[in-house]
Protein backbone atom coordinates (compact mmCIF):
# COMPACT_ATOMS: atom_id res chain seq x y z
CA UNK A 1 31.01 15.61 8.05
CA UNK A 2 30.83 19.11 6.51
CA UNK A 3 28.83 21.15 7.18
CA UNK A 4 26.48 21.52 3.76
CA UNK A 5 25.86 17.18 3.96
CA UNK A 6 25.15 18.38 7.99
CA UNK A 7 23.02 20.43 7.16
CA UNK A 8 21.45 18.48 4.49
CA UNK A 9 20.86 15.60 6.97
CA UNK A 10 19.79 16.78 9.48
CA UNK A 11 16.51 19.30 7.05
CA UNK A 12 13.15 18.37 7.42
CA UNK A 13 10.65 17.30 6.00
CA UNK A 14 9.57 20.44 4.76
CA UNK A 15 12.64 21.74 4.15
CA UNK A 16 13.62 19.14 2.09
CA UNK A 17 9.41 18.82 0.20
CA UNK A 18 10.77 22.77 -1.04
CA UNK A 19 13.57 22.01 -2.32
CA UNK A 20 12.48 19.80 -4.92
CA UNK A 21 9.32 21.62 -5.97
CA UNK A 22 11.64 24.56 -6.23
CA UNK A 23 13.94 22.66 -8.04
CA UNK A 24 11.15 20.94 -10.29
CA UNK A 25 9.55 24.83 -10.82
CA UNK A 26 13.13 25.80 -12.35
CA UNK A 27 13.82 22.88 -14.58
CA UNK A 28 10.35 23.88 -15.61
CA UNK A 29 11.09 27.81 -16.08
CA UNK A 30 13.96 26.32 -17.85
CA UNK A 31 12.59 24.27 -20.67
CA UNK A 32 9.55 26.77 -21.30
CA UNK A 33 12.05 29.30 -21.87
CA UNK A 34 14.14 26.36 -24.07
CA UNK A 35 10.77 25.18 -26.10
CA UNK A 36 10.63 29.17 -27.15
CA UNK A 37 13.31 29.94 -28.41
CA UNK A 38 13.70 26.60 -30.75
CA UNK A 39 9.34 27.75 -31.64
CA UNK A 40 11.50 31.77 -32.45
CA UNK A 41 13.84 29.85 -34.44
CA UNK A 42 11.81 27.41 -36.06
CA UNK A 43 9.51 29.75 -36.87
CA UNK A 44 12.00 32.16 -38.96
CA UNK A 45 13.07 29.59 -40.70
CA UNK A 46 9.53 28.88 -41.39
CA UNK A 47 9.82 32.39 -42.75
CA UNK A 48 12.61 32.62 -44.75
CA UNK A 49 11.49 29.50 -46.93
CA UNK A 50 7.81 31.18 -47.16
CA UNK A 51 9.25 33.84 -48.61
CA UNK A 52 10.94 31.52 -50.90
CA UNK A 53 8.22 29.23 -51.44
CA UNK A 54 6.43 32.87 -53.18
CA UNK A 55 9.31 34.11 -54.94
CA UNK A 56 8.88 30.77 -56.62
CA UNK A 57 5.29 30.51 -57.28
CA UNK A 58 5.35 33.66 -58.80
CA UNK A 59 9.07 32.74 -60.97
CA UNK A 60 6.18 30.06 -62.55
CA UNK A 61 3.12 32.87 -63.19
CA UNK A 62 5.63 34.80 -65.54
CA UNK A 63 7.29 31.37 -67.01
CA UNK A 64 3.03 30.39 -67.67
CA UNK A 65 1.94 33.06 -68.46
CA UNK A 66 5.00 34.40 -70.87
CA UNK A 67 4.55 30.30 -72.48
CA UNK A 68 0.91 30.68 -73.08
CA UNK A 69 1.93 34.20 -74.63
CA UNK A 70 5.04 31.75 -76.45
CA UNK A 71 1.58 29.43 -77.76
CA UNK A 72 -0.73 32.03 -79.03
CA UNK A 73 1.58 34.13 -81.02
CA UNK A 74 2.40 30.65 -82.92
CA UNK A 75 -0.92 29.41 -83.19
CA UNK A 76 -1.80 32.76 -84.64
CA UNK A 77 0.93 32.35 -88.03
CA UNK A 78 -1.95 29.65 -88.98
CA UNK A 79 -4.86 30.98 -87.57
CA UNK A 80 -6.87 34.07 -86.70
CA UNK A 81 -5.30 35.80 -83.93
CA UNK A 82 -8.92 34.79 -81.45
CA UNK A 83 -8.37 31.99 -82.47
CA UNK A 84 -5.46 31.46 -81.36
CA UNK A 85 -6.30 33.35 -78.13
CA UNK A 86 -9.32 31.31 -77.22
CA UNK A 87 -7.88 27.50 -78.49
CA UNK A 88 -5.28 28.96 -75.41
CA UNK A 89 -7.92 29.59 -72.63
CA UNK A 90 -9.82 26.34 -73.83
CA UNK A 91 -6.64 24.62 -72.88
CA UNK A 92 -5.18 26.83 -69.13
CA UNK A 93 -9.72 26.32 -67.92
CA UNK A 94 -9.34 22.17 -68.58
CA UNK A 95 -6.35 22.13 -66.95
CA UNK A 96 -8.06 24.70 -63.79
CA UNK A 97 -10.42 21.72 -64.17
CA UNK A 98 -8.54 19.07 -63.37
CA UNK A 99 -6.69 20.81 -60.36
CA UNK A 100 -10.09 21.62 -59.02
CA UNK A 101 -11.17 17.93 -59.32
CA UNK A 102 -7.61 16.92 -57.20
CA UNK A 103 -8.38 20.00 -54.89
CA UNK A 104 -11.66 18.31 -53.88
CA UNK A 105 -10.52 14.79 -53.73
CA UNK A 106 -7.86 16.04 -51.22
CA UNK A 107 -10.64 18.03 -49.04
CA UNK A 108 -12.81 15.31 -48.49
CA UNK A 109 -10.32 12.92 -47.99
CA UNK A 110 -9.39 15.64 -45.18
CA UNK A 111 -12.55 16.08 -44.48
CA UNK A 112 -12.69 11.98 -43.01
CA UNK A 113 -9.48 12.48 -40.28
CA UNK A 114 -11.54 15.14 -38.55
CA UNK A 115 -14.15 12.88 -37.08
CA UNK A 116 -11.38 10.30 -35.61
CA UNK A 117 -9.48 13.21 -34.23
CA UNK A 118 -13.36 14.92 -32.47
CA UNK A 119 -13.53 11.70 -30.75
CA UNK A 120 -10.05 11.71 -29.71
CA UNK A 121 -11.17 14.17 -27.91
CA UNK A 122 -14.13 14.58 -26.49
CA UNK A 123 -12.46 11.43 -24.95
CA UNK A 124 -10.13 13.38 -23.35
CA UNK A 125 -11.22 14.65 -20.13
CA UNK A 126 -13.18 11.44 -19.35
CA UNK A 127 -8.94 9.97 -19.92
CA UNK A 128 -7.88 12.79 -16.70
CA UNK A 129 -11.39 11.87 -14.80
CA UNK A 130 -9.85 8.10 -14.94
CA UNK A 131 -12.58 6.77 -16.47
């Protein structure tokens, strides 16, 4: 037997337990460091994607704005400019109403999920205690 093996076989239970505890602590610390690094990377990628979504939203808004102006101008060739603007505004009000109704319906669906989550969160302390 070599010297380290001899020392290991003659180590007390307390020393072995100390080694296991130290190794486990090191493992947990390294896992936390890895998780932090992964979260930083994912947050960076999410930030970049958010910026791109913002740019796409702005471009979409400007496209809708200028198409609306074009429709207004086109309609003003066959009717009074005020009536043409009113028709474009009414069309956007209808589109906004439909989007609002869809958003409200989705919000109601989300509220249906929360009670189950709250119930399981209330049961968690009892599960930890073994009940």
